[in-house]
Amino acid sequence: MPIEKLNPLRYLGPAEYTGFWQQLFATLLYGFWGRFLFVALVVSAFWVGVRQRNPTLAAICLLLAALVAYGGGIVHLVQTLTKIGM
């Protein structure tokens, strides 16, 4: 099935996949570039929603902005909870 090709765990192990996202949030989505990407996604969401009247694409931009804004905190929370559970 074509949808199976989108599963990243088919190509990477669980540890590699988790490490990829942790590294992404620790480097690219932190500091200036994280804020810049967040603002760019929010501005593009409003522009797409208002000027182009495409609420679906605007919602996708807002979801991506929320992922950029809160993803690092969620990853840190999960790491803390898994360390406590061990």
N, C-alpha and C. Protein backbone atom coordinates (compact mmCIF):
# COMPACT_ATOMS: atom_id res chain seq x y z
N MET A 1 0.84 -1.18 0.00
CA MET A 1 0.00 0.00 0.00
C MET A 1 0.89 1.25 0.00
N PRO A 2 0.47 2.30 -0.66
CA PRO A 2 1.26 3.53 -0.70
C PRO A 2 1.39 4.21 0.67
N ILE A 3 0.40 4.06 1.53
CA ILE A 3 0.46 4.73 2.83
C ILE A 3 1.55 4.12 3.71
N GLU A 4 1.89 2.88 3.50
CA GLU A 4 2.94 2.24 4.29
C GLU A 4 4.31 2.85 4.01
N LYS A 5 4.49 3.45 2.85
CA LYS A 5 5.76 4.08 2.52
C LYS A 5 6.01 5.34 3.35
N LEU A 6 4.95 5.91 3.95
CA LEU A 6 5.09 7.11 4.76
C LEU A 6 5.47 6.81 6.20
N ASN A 7 5.46 5.55 6.60
CA ASN A 7 5.79 5.18 7.97
C ASN A 7 7.30 5.29 8.17
N PRO A 8 7.75 6.23 9.01
CA PRO A 8 9.20 6.39 9.19
C PRO A 8 9.84 5.22 9.92
N LEU A 9 9.06 4.49 10.71
CA LEU A 9 9.62 3.36 11.43
C LEU A 9 9.92 2.18 10.51
N ARG A 10 9.49 2.29 9.29
CA ARG A 10 9.84 1.27 8.29
C ARG A 10 11.29 1.42 7.86
N TYR A 11 11.80 2.65 7.91
CA TYR A 11 13.15 2.94 7.45
C TYR A 11 14.14 3.15 8.61
N LEU A 12 13.64 3.55 9.76
CA LEU A 12 14.48 3.82 10.92
C LEU A 12 14.02 2.98 12.10
N GLY A 13 14.95 2.73 13.00
CA GLY A 13 14.58 2.07 14.24
C GLY A 13 13.93 3.07 15.18
N PRO A 14 13.23 2.59 16.22
CA PRO A 14 12.58 3.52 17.15
C PRO A 14 13.57 4.47 17.84
N ALA A 15 14.73 3.97 18.20
CA ALA A 15 15.71 4.83 18.87
C ALA A 15 16.24 5.91 17.92
N GLU A 16 16.48 5.55 16.67
CA GLU A 16 16.96 6.53 15.68
C GLU A 16 15.89 7.58 15.40
N TYR A 17 14.64 7.16 15.32
CA TYR A 17 13.53 8.07 15.05
C TYR A 17 13.37 9.07 16.20
N THR A 18 13.40 8.56 17.42
CA THR A 18 13.28 9.43 18.59
C THR A 18 14.47 10.38 18.68
N GLY A 19 15.66 9.86 18.41
CA GLY A 19 16.86 10.69 18.42
C GLY A 19 16.81 11.80 17.39
N PHE A 20 16.24 11.50 16.22
CA PHE A 20 16.10 12.52 15.18
C PHE A 20 15.25 13.69 15.67
N TRP A 21 14.09 13.40 16.27
CA TRP A 21 13.21 14.46 16.73
C TRP A 21 13.80 15.21 17.92
N GLN A 22 14.49 14.51 18.80
CA GLN A 22 15.14 15.18 19.93
C GLN A 22 16.22 16.14 19.43
N GLN A 23 17.01 15.69 18.46
CA GLN A 23 18.06 16.55 17.90
C GLN A 23 17.45 17.74 17.17
N LEU A 24 16.35 17.52 16.47
CA LEU A 24 15.69 18.61 15.74
C LEU A 24 15.20 19.68 16.70
N PHE A 25 14.54 19.27 17.78
CA PHE A 25 14.02 20.24 18.74
C PHE A 25 15.14 20.90 19.54
N ALA A 26 16.24 20.19 19.74
CA ALA A 26 17.34 20.75 20.52
C ALA A 26 18.16 21.76 19.71
N THR A 27 18.13 21.67 18.39
CA THR A 27 18.96 22.55 17.58
C THR A 27 18.14 23.53 16.75
N LEU A 28 17.47 23.04 15.74
CA LEU A 28 16.79 23.92 14.78
C LEU A 28 15.60 24.65 15.38
N LEU A 29 14.80 23.97 16.19
CA LEU A 29 13.57 24.57 16.68
C LEU A 29 13.76 25.23 18.05
N TYR A 30 14.99 25.65 18.36
CA TYR A 30 15.29 26.28 19.62
C TYR A 30 15.92 27.64 19.35
N GLY A 31 15.57 28.62 20.13
CA GLY A 31 16.20 29.93 20.00
C GLY A 31 15.64 30.75 18.85
N PHE A 32 16.52 31.46 18.17
CA PHE A 32 16.11 32.39 17.12
C PHE A 32 15.36 31.69 15.99
N TRP A 33 15.88 30.57 15.50
CA TRP A 33 15.25 29.92 14.36
C TRP A 33 13.90 29.34 14.70
N GLY A 34 13.73 28.88 15.91
CA GLY A 34 12.42 28.40 16.34
C GLY A 34 11.40 29.52 16.37
N ARG A 35 11.81 30.66 16.92
CA ARG A 35 10.91 31.82 16.96
C ARG A 35 10.61 32.34 15.56
N PHE A 36 11.64 32.38 14.73
CA PHE A 36 11.45 32.85 13.35
C PHE A 36 10.48 31.94 12.60
N LEU A 37 10.66 30.63 12.73
CA LEU A 37 9.78 29.68 12.05
C LEU A 37 8.35 29.79 12.58
N PHE A 38 8.20 29.97 13.89
CA PHE A 38 6.88 30.13 14.48
C PHE A 38 6.17 31.36 13.93
N VAL A 39 6.86 32.48 13.92
CA VAL A 39 6.25 33.72 13.42
C VAL A 39 5.93 33.60 11.93
N ALA A 40 6.83 32.99 11.17
CA ALA A 40 6.58 32.82 9.73
C ALA A 40 5.36 31.94 9.49
N LEU A 41 5.20 30.88 10.27
CA LEU A 41 4.05 30.00 10.09
C LEU A 41 2.74 30.68 10.51
N VAL A 42 2.77 31.45 11.59
CA VAL A 42 1.55 32.15 12.02
C VAL A 42 1.16 33.22 11.00
N VAL A 43 2.14 33.98 10.52
CA VAL A 43 1.84 35.00 9.51
C VAL A 43 1.32 34.37 8.23
N SER A 44 1.94 33.27 7.81
CA SER A 44 1.46 32.61 6.59
C SER A 44 0.08 32.00 6.80
N ALA A 45 -0.23 31.54 8.01
CA ALA A 45 -1.57 31.01 8.27
C ALA A 45 -2.62 32.10 8.13
N PHE A 46 -2.35 33.27 8.70
CA PHE A 46 -3.32 34.36 8.55
C PHE A 46 -3.41 34.83 7.11
N TRP A 47 -2.28 34.91 6.42
CA TRP A 47 -2.31 35.35 5.02
C TRP A 47 -3.08 34.37 4.14
N VAL A 48 -2.81 33.08 4.33
CA VAL A 48 -3.51 32.06 3.53
C VAL A 48 -4.99 32.04 3.88
N GLY A 49 -5.30 32.17 5.16
CA GLY A 49 -6.70 32.12 5.57
C GLY A 49 -7.50 33.33 5.12
N VAL A 50 -6.89 34.51 5.16
CA VAL A 50 -7.62 35.74 4.84
C VAL A 50 -7.54 36.07 3.35
N ARG A 51 -6.34 36.09 2.81
CA ARG A 51 -6.17 36.52 1.42
C ARG A 51 -6.56 35.44 0.41
N GLN A 52 -6.16 34.21 0.68
CA GLN A 52 -6.44 33.15 -0.28
C GLN A 52 -7.71 32.37 0.06
N ARG A 53 -8.26 32.62 1.22
CA ARG A 53 -9.49 31.96 1.69
C ARG A 53 -9.37 30.44 1.63
N ASN A 54 -8.29 29.95 2.19
CA ASN A 54 -8.06 28.52 2.24
C ASN A 54 -7.90 28.11 3.71
N PRO A 55 -9.01 27.82 4.39
CA PRO A 55 -8.93 27.53 5.82
C PRO A 55 -8.20 26.23 6.14
N THR A 56 -8.19 25.28 5.22
CA THR A 56 -7.49 24.03 5.48
C THR A 56 -5.99 24.25 5.56
N LEU A 57 -5.44 24.97 4.61
CA LEU A 57 -4.01 25.27 4.62
C LEU A 57 -3.64 26.17 5.79
N ALA A 58 -4.54 27.09 6.14
CA ALA A 58 -4.29 27.95 7.30
C ALA A 58 -4.24 27.12 8.58
N ALA A 59 -5.13 26.15 8.70
CA ALA A 59 -5.14 25.28 9.88
C ALA A 59 -3.86 24.44 9.96
N ILE A 60 -3.38 23.98 8.81
CA ILE A 60 -2.14 23.21 8.79
C ILE A 60 -0.97 24.08 9.24
N CYS A 61 -0.93 25.32 8.78
CA CYS A 61 0.13 26.24 9.20
C CYS A 61 0.07 26.50 10.70
N LEU A 62 -1.14 26.65 11.24
CA LEU A 62 -1.26 26.88 12.68
C LEU A 62 -0.86 25.65 13.48
N LEU A 63 -1.20 24.46 12.99
CA LEU A 63 -0.78 23.23 13.68
C LEU A 63 0.73 23.08 13.66
N LEU A 64 1.36 23.41 12.54
CA LEU A 64 2.81 23.36 12.48
C LEU A 64 3.44 24.39 13.42
N ALA A 65 2.82 25.58 13.51
CA ALA A 65 3.33 26.60 14.43
C ALA A 65 3.21 26.13 15.87
N ALA A 66 2.12 25.46 16.20
CA ALA A 66 1.96 24.93 17.56
C ALA A 66 2.98 23.84 17.83
N LEU A 67 3.27 23.03 16.84
CA LEU A 67 4.29 21.99 16.99
C LEU A 67 5.65 22.61 17.25
N VAL A 68 5.98 23.66 16.52
CA VAL A 68 7.26 24.34 16.73
C VAL A 68 7.30 24.97 18.12
N ALA A 69 6.19 25.58 18.54
CA ALA A 69 6.17 26.30 19.82
C ALA A 69 6.21 25.35 21.01
N TYR A 70 5.48 24.26 20.94
CA TYR A 70 5.32 23.40 22.11
C TYR A 70 6.01 22.05 21.98
N GLY A 71 6.55 21.74 20.83
CA GLY A 71 7.17 20.43 20.62
C GLY A 71 8.37 20.17 21.50
N GLY A 72 9.22 21.17 21.66
CA GLY A 72 10.40 21.00 22.50
C GLY A 72 10.03 20.75 23.95
N GLY A 73 9.04 21.46 24.44
CA GLY A 73 8.58 21.24 25.81
C GLY A 73 7.97 19.87 26.01
N ILE A 74 7.24 19.41 25.02
CA ILE A 74 6.63 18.08 25.11
C ILE A 74 7.70 17.01 25.10
N VAL A 75 8.70 17.15 24.24
CA VAL A 75 9.81 16.19 24.20
C VAL A 75 10.54 16.17 25.53
N HIS A 76 10.78 17.35 26.11
CA HIS A 76 11.46 17.42 27.40
C HIS A 76 10.60 16.78 28.50
N LEU A 77 9.30 17.01 28.48
CA LEU A 77 8.40 16.41 29.46
C LEU A 77 8.41 14.89 29.36
N VAL A 78 8.37 14.37 28.15
CA VAL A 78 8.39 12.91 27.96
C VAL A 78 9.72 12.34 28.45
N GLN A 79 10.81 13.03 28.16
CA GLN A 79 12.13 12.55 28.65
C GLN A 79 12.16 12.54 30.17
N THR A 80 11.63 13.57 30.80
CA THR A 80 11.62 13.64 32.26
C THR A 80 10.76 12.52 32.85
N LEU A 81 9.60 12.30 32.27
CA LEU A 81 8.70 11.26 32.78
C LEU A 81 9.28 9.87 32.59
N THR A 82 9.99 9.64 31.51
CA THR A 82 10.58 8.32 31.31
C THR A 82 11.77 8.09 32.24
N LYS A 83 12.49 9.16 32.58
CA LYS A 83 13.60 9.02 33.55
C LYS A 83 13.07 8.75 34.94
N ILE A 84 11.94 9.35 35.30
CA ILE A 84 11.35 9.14 36.61
C ILE A 84 10.82 7.71 36.72
N GLY A 85 10.23 7.22 35.63
CA GLY A 85 9.66 5.87 35.62
C GLY A 85 10.70 4.78 35.69
N MET A 86 11.94 5.07 35.34
CA MET A 86 12.99 4.03 35.34
C MET A 86 13.51 3.80 36.68
